[in-house]
């Protein structure tokens, strides 16, 4: 399979926070934000694999900033790395200041998707070829996260997690 660049699957969703999507403090429900992030990430994974994709895990979510009613919210999803059939997607959430129009980062997350066939069986996906320094950093970090996940799940021996070990060696 031909490698693809992260920019080929980049997905940007922009929307307004409506009253029915807010909690009693008039801020966006966390679950609503998770759904928006899942949609953007699944589109990015599908663009990369050109297959049906399913959410395998939500590896990290950080709710750093409340998103008030009426805010313009932008969810940006980018593939950081593709493995055999799985893909790691990094999501950044931005909120736009109503008066100045300046954007600030409100949240971020990392999701993992698996490409499947019509019967739900995993299928291979193209590799990622990072270009920018940021893409290369995310690409390398994705392997460390995968190794950590496999070690914690008991599917990899700690001694085999070479990328993780390298962080702690001189």
N, C-alpha and C. Protein backbone atom coordinates (compact mmCIF):
# COMPACT_ATOMS: atom_id res chain seq x y z
N UNK A 1 0.84 -1.19 0.00
CA UNK A 1 0.00 0.00 0.00
C UNK A 1 0.88 1.25 0.00
N UNK A 2 0.44 2.22 -0.74
CA UNK A 2 1.15 3.50 -0.81
C UNK A 2 0.94 4.29 0.48
N UNK A 3 2.01 4.83 1.06
CA UNK A 3 1.84 5.68 2.25
C UNK A 3 1.04 6.94 1.91
N UNK A 4 0.36 7.45 2.93
CA UNK A 4 -0.40 8.69 2.78
C UNK A 4 0.12 9.71 3.78
N UNK A 5 -0.08 10.97 3.47
CA UNK A 5 0.31 12.06 4.37
C UNK A 5 -0.86 12.40 5.29
N UNK A 6 -0.58 12.80 6.51
CA UNK A 6 -1.66 13.16 7.44
C UNK A 6 -2.63 14.21 6.89
N UNK A 7 -2.12 15.15 6.10
CA UNK A 7 -2.99 16.22 5.58
C UNK A 7 -4.08 15.69 4.66
N UNK A 8 -3.89 14.50 4.10
CA UNK A 8 -4.89 13.92 3.20
C UNK A 8 -6.16 13.50 3.93
N UNK A 9 -6.07 13.30 5.22
CA UNK A 9 -7.24 12.86 5.97
C UNK A 9 -7.72 13.91 6.99
N UNK A 10 -7.06 15.03 7.02
CA UNK A 10 -7.41 16.07 7.99
C UNK A 10 -8.89 16.43 7.88
N UNK A 11 -9.53 16.52 9.03
CA UNK A 11 -10.96 16.82 9.07
C UNK A 11 -11.19 17.97 10.04
N UNK A 12 -11.99 18.94 9.59
CA UNK A 12 -12.32 20.10 10.41
C UNK A 12 -13.83 20.25 10.45
N UNK A 13 -14.40 20.21 11.65
CA UNK A 13 -15.83 20.41 11.85
C UNK A 13 -16.01 21.67 12.69
N UNK A 14 -16.81 22.59 12.19
CA UNK A 14 -17.09 23.82 12.94
C UNK A 14 -18.58 23.92 13.16
N UNK A 15 -18.96 24.26 14.38
CA UNK A 15 -20.38 24.31 14.74
C UNK A 15 -20.59 25.30 15.88
N UNK A 16 -21.84 25.60 16.14
CA UNK A 16 -22.26 26.52 17.18
C UNK A 16 -22.80 25.73 18.37
N UNK A 17 -22.56 26.19 19.59
CA UNK A 17 -23.09 25.54 20.78
C UNK A 17 -24.50 26.08 21.02
N UNK A 18 -25.48 25.19 20.95
CA UNK A 18 -26.89 25.55 21.09
C UNK A 18 -27.41 25.26 22.51
N UNK A 19 -28.52 25.88 22.91
CA UNK A 19 -29.03 25.69 24.28
C UNK A 19 -29.30 24.23 24.65
N UNK A 20 -29.78 23.42 23.71
CA UNK A 20 -30.09 22.02 24.02
C UNK A 20 -28.84 21.17 24.25
N UNK A 21 -27.65 21.72 23.98
CA UNK A 21 -26.39 20.99 24.12
C UNK A 21 -25.60 21.40 25.36
N UNK A 22 -26.25 22.20 26.23
CA UNK A 22 -25.52 22.73 27.38
C UNK A 22 -26.04 22.17 28.71
N UNK A 23 -25.18 22.25 29.71
CA UNK A 23 -25.51 21.82 31.06
C UNK A 23 -26.15 22.99 31.82
N UNK A 24 -26.49 22.82 33.11
CA UNK A 24 -27.12 23.91 33.87
C UNK A 24 -26.25 25.17 34.02
N UNK A 25 -24.94 25.05 33.75
CA UNK A 25 -24.07 26.22 33.80
C UNK A 25 -23.93 26.89 32.43
N UNK A 26 -24.73 26.44 31.47
CA UNK A 26 -24.71 26.96 30.09
C UNK A 26 -23.38 26.74 29.38
N UNK A 27 -22.76 25.59 29.69
CA UNK A 27 -21.55 25.17 28.98
C UNK A 27 -21.84 23.87 28.24
N UNK A 28 -21.14 23.65 27.16
CA UNK A 28 -21.33 22.45 26.34
C UNK A 28 -21.17 21.19 27.18
N UNK A 29 -22.13 20.26 27.06
CA UNK A 29 -22.03 18.97 27.73
C UNK A 29 -20.76 18.27 27.27
N UNK A 30 -20.05 17.60 28.19
CA UNK A 30 -18.87 16.82 27.82
C UNK A 30 -19.20 15.72 26.84
N UNK A 31 -20.34 15.06 27.03
CA UNK A 31 -20.75 13.99 26.12
C UNK A 31 -21.01 14.49 24.72
N UNK A 32 -21.55 15.69 24.61
CA UNK A 32 -21.78 16.29 23.29
C UNK A 32 -20.45 16.56 22.60
N UNK A 33 -19.48 17.04 23.37
CA UNK A 33 -18.17 17.29 22.79
C UNK A 33 -17.51 15.98 22.37
N UNK A 34 -17.64 14.94 23.20
CA UNK A 34 -17.08 13.63 22.85
C UNK A 34 -17.67 13.12 21.53
N UNK A 35 -18.98 13.30 21.35
CA UNK A 35 -19.63 12.87 20.11
C UNK A 35 -19.08 13.64 18.91
N UNK A 36 -18.88 14.93 19.07
CA UNK A 36 -18.33 15.74 17.97
C UNK A 36 -16.91 15.28 17.63
N UNK A 37 -16.11 15.01 18.67
CA UNK A 37 -14.75 14.56 18.44
C UNK A 37 -14.74 13.19 17.76
N UNK A 38 -15.64 12.30 18.17
CA UNK A 38 -15.73 10.97 17.58
C UNK A 38 -16.09 11.06 16.10
N UNK A 39 -17.03 11.93 15.76
CA UNK A 39 -17.42 12.10 14.35
C UNK A 39 -16.26 12.61 13.52
N UNK A 40 -15.57 13.64 13.99
CA UNK A 40 -14.45 14.19 13.23
C UNK A 40 -13.34 13.15 13.08
N UNK A 41 -13.03 12.45 14.16
CA UNK A 41 -11.97 11.45 14.11
C UNK A 41 -12.33 10.29 13.18
N UNK A 42 -13.60 9.89 13.19
CA UNK A 42 -14.00 8.78 12.33
C UNK A 42 -13.93 9.17 10.86
N UNK A 43 -14.25 10.41 10.56
CA UNK A 43 -14.12 10.89 9.17
C UNK A 43 -12.66 10.88 8.74
N UNK A 44 -11.77 11.35 9.61
CA UNK A 44 -10.34 11.35 9.29
C UNK A 44 -9.84 9.93 9.05
N UNK A 45 -10.23 8.99 9.92
CA UNK A 45 -9.80 7.60 9.77
C UNK A 45 -10.37 6.98 8.50
N UNK A 46 -11.61 7.31 8.19
CA UNK A 46 -12.22 6.77 6.96
C UNK A 46 -11.54 7.35 5.71
N UNK A 47 -11.23 8.64 5.76
CA UNK A 47 -10.53 9.25 4.63
C UNK A 47 -9.18 8.57 4.39
N UNK A 48 -8.51 8.23 5.48
CA UNK A 48 -7.20 7.59 5.35
C UNK A 48 -7.33 6.17 4.80
N UNK A 49 -8.23 5.40 5.38
CA UNK A 49 -8.32 3.98 5.05
C UNK A 49 -9.23 3.69 3.86
N UNK A 50 -10.17 4.60 3.59
CA UNK A 50 -11.20 4.40 2.57
C UNK A 50 -12.00 3.13 2.85
N UNK A 51 -12.19 2.87 4.15
CA UNK A 51 -12.95 1.70 4.61
C UNK A 51 -13.92 2.15 5.69
N UNK A 52 -14.80 1.24 6.09
CA UNK A 52 -15.64 1.45 7.26
C UNK A 52 -14.69 1.44 8.46
N UNK A 53 -14.90 2.35 9.40
CA UNK A 53 -14.05 2.38 10.60
C UNK A 53 -14.91 2.33 11.85
N UNK A 54 -14.35 1.74 12.88
CA UNK A 54 -15.04 1.67 14.18
C UNK A 54 -14.12 2.22 15.25
N UNK A 55 -14.69 2.86 16.24
CA UNK A 55 -13.91 3.38 17.35
C UNK A 55 -13.44 2.21 18.20
N UNK A 56 -12.13 2.06 18.34
CA UNK A 56 -11.58 0.98 19.15
C UNK A 56 -11.34 1.45 20.58
N UNK A 57 -10.89 2.70 20.72
CA UNK A 57 -10.66 3.22 22.07
C UNK A 57 -10.56 4.73 22.06
N UNK A 58 -10.90 5.28 23.20
CA UNK A 58 -10.66 6.69 23.47
C UNK A 58 -9.50 6.67 24.45
N UNK A 59 -8.31 6.97 23.95
CA UNK A 59 -7.10 6.80 24.73
C UNK A 59 -6.83 7.95 25.69
N UNK A 60 -7.29 9.10 25.33
CA UNK A 60 -7.02 10.28 26.14
C UNK A 60 -8.05 11.36 25.82
N UNK A 61 -8.58 11.99 26.85
CA UNK A 61 -9.45 13.15 26.67
C UNK A 61 -9.10 14.14 27.77
N UNK A 62 -8.92 15.39 27.40
CA UNK A 62 -8.66 16.43 28.39
C UNK A 62 -9.66 17.56 28.19
N UNK A 63 -10.49 17.80 29.20
CA UNK A 63 -11.41 18.93 29.18
C UNK A 63 -10.71 20.07 29.90
N UNK A 64 -10.08 20.94 29.14
CA UNK A 64 -9.24 21.98 29.72
C UNK A 64 -9.98 23.30 29.93
N UNK A 65 -10.99 23.54 29.13
CA UNK A 65 -11.65 24.83 29.16
C UNK A 65 -13.14 24.64 28.89
N UNK A 66 -13.98 25.31 29.67
CA UNK A 66 -15.41 25.24 29.43
C UNK A 66 -15.74 25.94 28.10
N UNK A 67 -16.75 25.42 27.43
CA UNK A 67 -17.17 25.98 26.15
C UNK A 67 -18.59 26.51 26.33
N UNK A 68 -18.75 27.83 26.43
CA UNK A 68 -20.05 28.41 26.74
C UNK A 68 -21.05 28.40 25.59
N UNK A 69 -22.31 28.48 25.98
CA UNK A 69 -23.42 28.60 25.04
C UNK A 69 -23.13 29.70 24.02
N UNK A 70 -23.43 29.42 22.76
CA UNK A 70 -23.23 30.41 21.71
C UNK A 70 -21.84 30.43 21.11
N UNK A 71 -20.92 29.65 21.68
CA UNK A 71 -19.55 29.63 21.16
C UNK A 71 -19.49 28.94 19.80
N UNK A 72 -18.52 29.38 19.00
CA UNK A 72 -18.18 28.67 17.78
C UNK A 72 -17.06 27.70 18.15
N UNK A 73 -17.30 26.43 17.89
CA UNK A 73 -16.36 25.37 18.26
C UNK A 73 -15.84 24.71 16.99
N UNK A 74 -14.53 24.53 16.92
CA UNK A 74 -13.91 23.84 15.78
C UNK A 74 -13.18 22.61 16.30
N UNK A 75 -13.51 21.47 15.72
CA UNK A 75 -12.86 20.20 16.06
C UNK A 75 -11.98 19.81 14.88
N UNK A 76 -10.68 19.66 15.13
CA UNK A 76 -9.73 19.29 14.09
C UNK A 76 -9.18 17.90 14.40
N UNK A 77 -9.31 16.99 13.43
CA UNK A 77 -8.83 15.62 13.60
C UNK A 77 -7.76 15.32 12.57
N UNK A 78 -6.64 14.76 13.03
CA UNK A 78 -5.51 14.41 12.17
C UNK A 78 -4.98 13.04 12.53
N UNK A 79 -4.71 12.21 11.54
CA UNK A 79 -4.07 10.93 11.81
C UNK A 79 -2.64 11.17 12.24
N UNK A 80 -2.25 10.49 13.31
CA UNK A 80 -0.86 10.59 13.74
C UNK A 80 -0.05 9.39 13.29
N UNK A 81 -0.73 8.22 13.23
CA UNK A 81 -0.02 7.01 12.79
C UNK A 81 -1.02 5.94 12.42
N UNK A 82 -0.63 5.11 11.47
CA UNK A 82 -1.41 3.94 11.09
C UNK A 82 -0.58 2.71 11.39
N UNK A 83 -1.23 1.70 11.93
CA UNK A 83 -0.56 0.44 12.22
C UNK A 83 -1.11 -0.59 11.22
N UNK A 84 -1.27 -1.84 11.60
CA UNK A 84 -1.74 -2.85 10.65
C UNK A 84 -3.16 -2.54 10.17
N UNK A 85 -4.10 -2.49 11.09
CA UNK A 85 -5.49 -2.15 10.74
C UNK A 85 -6.01 -1.00 11.57
N UNK A 86 -5.22 -0.57 12.55
CA UNK A 86 -5.66 0.52 13.43
C UNK A 86 -4.99 1.84 13.07
N UNK A 87 -5.66 2.91 13.47
CA UNK A 87 -5.17 4.26 13.19
C UNK A 87 -5.36 5.10 14.44
N UNK A 88 -4.32 5.84 14.82
CA UNK A 88 -4.44 6.78 15.92
C UNK A 88 -4.79 8.14 15.35
N UNK A 89 -5.80 8.78 15.95
CA UNK A 89 -6.25 10.10 15.50
C UNK A 89 -6.12 11.07 16.66
N UNK A 90 -5.44 12.18 16.42
CA UNK A 90 -5.29 13.23 17.43
C UNK A 90 -6.32 14.31 17.12
N UNK A 91 -7.04 14.73 18.17
CA UNK A 91 -8.10 15.72 18.00
C UNK A 91 -7.78 16.95 18.84
N UNK A 92 -7.88 18.11 18.22
CA UNK A 92 -7.74 19.38 18.91
C UNK A 92 -9.06 20.13 18.80
N UNK A 93 -9.50 20.69 19.91
CA UNK A 93 -10.77 21.43 19.95
C UNK A 93 -10.46 22.90 20.24
N UNK A 94 -10.99 23.75 19.40
CA UNK A 94 -10.75 25.20 19.51
C UNK A 94 -12.07 25.91 19.74
N UNK A 95 -12.03 26.95 20.57
CA UNK A 95 -13.20 27.80 20.78
C UNK A 95 -12.83 29.21 20.34
N UNK A 96 -13.77 29.82 19.67
CA UNK A 96 -13.55 31.16 19.11
C UNK A 96 -14.17 32.21 20.03
N UNK A 97 -13.39 33.20 20.39
CA UNK A 97 -13.89 34.31 21.21
C UNK A 97 -14.94 35.07 20.41
N UNK A 98 -16.09 35.30 21.03
CA UNK A 98 -17.21 35.94 20.32
C UNK A 98 -16.90 37.34 19.82
N UNK A 99 -16.14 38.08 20.59
CA UNK A 99 -15.89 39.48 20.21
C UNK A 99 -14.65 39.66 19.34
N UNK A 100 -13.54 39.02 19.73
CA UNK A 100 -12.29 39.23 18.99
C UNK A 100 -12.13 38.28 17.81
N UNK A 101 -12.79 37.10 17.90
CA UNK A 101 -12.62 36.10 16.86
C UNK A 101 -11.38 35.25 17.04
N UNK A 102 -10.59 35.55 18.09
CA UNK A 102 -9.37 34.77 18.33
C UNK A 102 -9.75 33.37 18.82
N UNK A 103 -8.98 32.39 18.35
CA UNK A 103 -9.22 31.00 18.75
C UNK A 103 -8.27 30.60 19.87
N UNK A 104 -8.79 29.81 20.82
CA UNK A 104 -7.94 29.25 21.86
C UNK A 104 -8.27 27.77 22.00
N UNK A 105 -7.25 27.01 22.37
CA UNK A 105 -7.44 25.57 22.50
C UNK A 105 -8.24 25.28 23.76
N UNK A 106 -9.32 24.54 23.59
CA UNK A 106 -10.19 24.23 24.72
C UNK A 106 -10.00 22.80 25.21
N UNK A 107 -9.78 21.87 24.30
CA UNK A 107 -9.70 20.46 24.66
C UNK A 107 -8.84 19.71 23.65
N UNK A 108 -8.45 18.50 24.03
CA UNK A 108 -7.78 17.62 23.07
C UNK A 108 -8.07 16.18 23.44
N UNK A 109 -7.82 15.30 22.49
CA UNK A 109 -8.09 13.88 22.70
C UNK A 109 -7.29 13.05 21.72
N UNK A 110 -7.20 11.77 22.03
CA UNK A 110 -6.58 10.80 21.12
C UNK A 110 -7.52 9.59 21.05
N UNK A 111 -7.94 9.26 19.84
CA UNK A 111 -8.82 8.12 19.61
C UNK A 111 -8.08 7.10 18.75
N UNK A 112 -8.50 5.84 18.86
CA UNK A 112 -8.00 4.80 17.97
C UNK A 112 -9.17 4.19 17.22
N UNK A 113 -9.00 4.06 15.92
CA UNK A 113 -10.01 3.44 15.05
C UNK A 113 -9.42 2.23 14.37
N UNK A 114 -10.29 1.29 14.02
CA UNK A 114 -9.89 0.11 13.26
C UNK A 114 -10.71 0.09 11.98
N UNK A 115 -10.03 -0.16 10.86
CA UNK A 115 -10.71 -0.30 9.58
C UNK A 115 -11.23 -1.73 9.47
N UNK A 116 -12.47 -1.87 9.00
CA UNK A 116 -13.09 -3.20 8.89
C UNK A 116 -13.74 -3.39 7.53
N UNK A 117 -13.96 -4.66 7.20
CA UNK A 117 -14.69 -4.97 5.97
C UNK A 117 -16.19 -4.99 6.28
N UNK A 118 -16.99 -5.38 5.31
CA UNK A 118 -18.45 -5.38 5.49
C UNK A 118 -18.93 -6.36 6.55
N UNK A 119 -18.08 -7.32 6.92
CA UNK A 119 -18.44 -8.30 7.96
C UNK A 119 -17.90 -7.90 9.32
N UNK A 120 -17.18 -6.77 9.38
CA UNK A 120 -16.63 -6.30 10.65
C UNK A 120 -15.26 -6.85 10.98
N UNK A 121 -14.61 -7.48 10.01
CA UNK A 121 -13.27 -8.02 10.23
C UNK A 121 -12.22 -6.96 9.92
N UNK A 122 -11.18 -6.85 10.76
CA UNK A 122 -10.13 -5.85 10.51
C UNK A 122 -9.46 -6.06 9.16
N UNK A 123 -9.14 -4.94 8.51
CA UNK A 123 -8.45 -4.96 7.21
C UNK A 123 -7.24 -4.03 7.28
N UNK A 124 -6.21 -4.31 6.49
CA UNK A 124 -5.01 -3.47 6.50
C UNK A 124 -5.31 -2.04 6.02
N UNK A 125 -4.51 -1.11 6.56
CA UNK A 125 -4.63 0.30 6.16
C UNK A 125 -3.27 0.79 5.66
N UNK A 126 -3.27 1.83 4.84
CA UNK A 126 -1.99 2.36 4.36
C UNK A 126 -1.18 2.98 5.50
N UNK A 127 0.13 2.95 5.38
CA UNK A 127 0.96 3.61 6.40
C UNK A 127 0.88 5.13 6.27
N UNK A 128 1.32 5.80 7.32
CA UNK A 128 1.38 7.27 7.34
C UNK A 128 2.82 7.69 7.06
N UNK A 129 2.96 8.72 6.28
CA UNK A 129 4.27 9.32 6.03
C UNK A 129 4.22 10.77 6.50
N UNK A 130 4.71 11.03 7.73
CA UNK A 130 4.64 12.40 8.25
C UNK A 130 5.58 13.32 7.49
N UNK A 131 5.19 14.60 7.41
CA UNK A 131 6.00 15.58 6.70
C UNK A 131 6.54 16.66 7.64
N UNK A 132 5.67 17.30 8.38
CA UNK A 132 6.10 18.41 9.23
C UNK A 132 6.72 17.90 10.53
N UNK A 133 7.39 18.79 11.25
CA UNK A 133 8.00 18.43 12.54
C UNK A 133 6.93 17.97 13.52
N UNK A 134 5.79 18.66 13.54
CA UNK A 134 4.69 18.28 14.43
C UNK A 134 4.16 16.90 14.08
N UNK A 135 3.99 16.63 12.78
CA UNK A 135 3.51 15.31 12.35
C UNK A 135 4.49 14.22 12.73
N UNK A 136 5.79 14.49 12.60
CA UNK A 136 6.81 13.50 12.95
C UNK A 136 6.82 13.23 14.45
N UNK A 137 6.63 14.28 15.24
CA UNK A 137 6.58 14.13 16.70
C UNK A 137 5.37 13.29 17.10
N UNK A 138 4.21 13.59 16.51
CA UNK A 138 3.00 12.82 16.82
C UNK A 138 3.13 11.37 16.34
N UNK A 139 3.77 11.17 15.21
CA UNK A 139 4.00 9.83 14.65
C UNK A 139 4.82 8.99 15.62
N UNK A 140 5.93 9.54 16.12
CA UNK A 140 6.80 8.83 17.05
C UNK A 140 6.09 8.56 18.38
N UNK A 141 5.36 9.55 18.87
CA UNK A 141 4.65 9.40 20.15
C UNK A 141 3.56 8.34 20.06
N UNK A 142 2.95 8.18 18.90
CA UNK A 142 1.89 7.18 18.72
C UNK A 142 2.42 5.78 18.97
N UNK A 143 3.63 5.49 18.51
CA UNK A 143 4.20 4.17 18.74
C UNK A 143 4.45 3.93 20.22
N UNK A 144 4.93 4.94 20.92
CA UNK A 144 5.15 4.79 22.37
C UNK A 144 3.81 4.54 23.09
N UNK A 145 2.77 5.27 22.68
CA UNK A 145 1.45 5.06 23.30
C UNK A 145 0.93 3.66 23.03
N UNK A 146 1.13 3.19 21.80
CA UNK A 146 0.68 1.83 21.46
C UNK A 146 1.43 0.79 22.28
N UNK A 147 2.74 0.94 22.40
CA UNK A 147 3.51 -0.01 23.19
C UNK A 147 3.07 0.02 24.65
N UNK A 148 2.85 1.19 25.21
CA UNK A 148 2.40 1.29 26.60
C UNK A 148 1.05 0.59 26.77
N UNK A 149 0.15 0.81 25.85
CA UNK A 149 -1.16 0.17 25.89
C UNK A 149 -1.03 -1.35 25.85
N UNK A 150 -0.17 -1.85 24.98
CA UNK A 150 0.02 -3.30 24.87
C UNK A 150 0.66 -3.88 26.13
N UNK A 151 1.61 -3.17 26.71
CA UNK A 151 2.23 -3.63 27.95
C UNK A 151 1.20 -3.67 29.07
N UNK A 152 0.41 -2.61 29.20
CA UNK A 152 -0.60 -2.55 30.27
C UNK A 152 -1.68 -3.62 30.10
N UNK A 153 -1.97 -3.99 28.85
CA UNK A 153 -2.97 -5.01 28.58
C UNK A 153 -2.39 -6.42 28.69
N UNK A 154 -1.08 -6.53 28.92
CA UNK A 154 -0.44 -7.83 29.02
C UNK A 154 -0.21 -8.50 27.68
N UNK A 155 -0.27 -7.72 26.60
CA UNK A 155 -0.08 -8.27 25.25
C UNK A 155 1.34 -8.07 24.73
N UNK A 156 2.17 -7.38 25.51
CA UNK A 156 3.57 -7.18 25.15
C UNK A 156 4.37 -7.18 26.43
N UNK A 157 5.53 -7.83 26.38
CA UNK A 157 6.42 -7.82 27.54
C UNK A 157 7.10 -6.45 27.62
N UNK A 158 7.27 -5.91 28.82
CA UNK A 158 7.94 -4.62 28.94
C UNK A 158 9.30 -4.58 28.26
N UNK A 159 10.02 -5.69 28.29
CA UNK A 159 11.34 -5.74 27.67
C UNK A 159 11.28 -5.60 26.14
N UNK A 160 10.11 -5.86 25.56
CA UNK A 160 9.94 -5.74 24.11
C UNK A 160 9.52 -4.34 23.67
N UNK A 161 9.16 -3.50 24.61
CA UNK A 161 8.69 -2.15 24.31
C UNK A 161 9.89 -1.22 24.10
N UNK A 162 10.55 -1.40 22.98
CA UNK A 162 11.82 -0.71 22.72
C UNK A 162 11.69 0.81 22.71
N UNK A 163 10.62 1.33 22.16
CA UNK A 163 10.44 2.79 22.11
C UNK A 163 10.23 3.37 23.50
N UNK A 164 9.51 2.65 24.35
CA UNK A 164 9.31 3.10 25.73
C UNK A 164 10.61 3.03 26.52
N UNK A 165 11.34 1.93 26.35
CA UNK A 165 12.61 1.76 27.05
C UNK A 165 13.58 2.88 26.70
N UNK A 166 13.57 3.30 25.45
CA UNK A 166 14.49 4.35 24.99
C UNK A 166 14.28 5.67 25.73
N UNK A 167 13.07 5.89 26.22
CA UNK A 167 12.80 7.12 26.98
C UNK A 167 13.54 7.17 28.30
N UNK A 168 13.86 5.98 28.83
CA UNK A 168 14.44 5.90 30.17
C UNK A 168 15.91 5.55 30.19
N UNK A 169 16.47 5.31 29.03
CA UNK A 169 17.90 4.96 28.95
C UNK A 169 18.72 6.20 28.64
N UNK A 170 19.94 6.20 29.09
CA UNK A 170 20.83 7.33 28.82
C UNK A 170 21.45 7.23 27.46
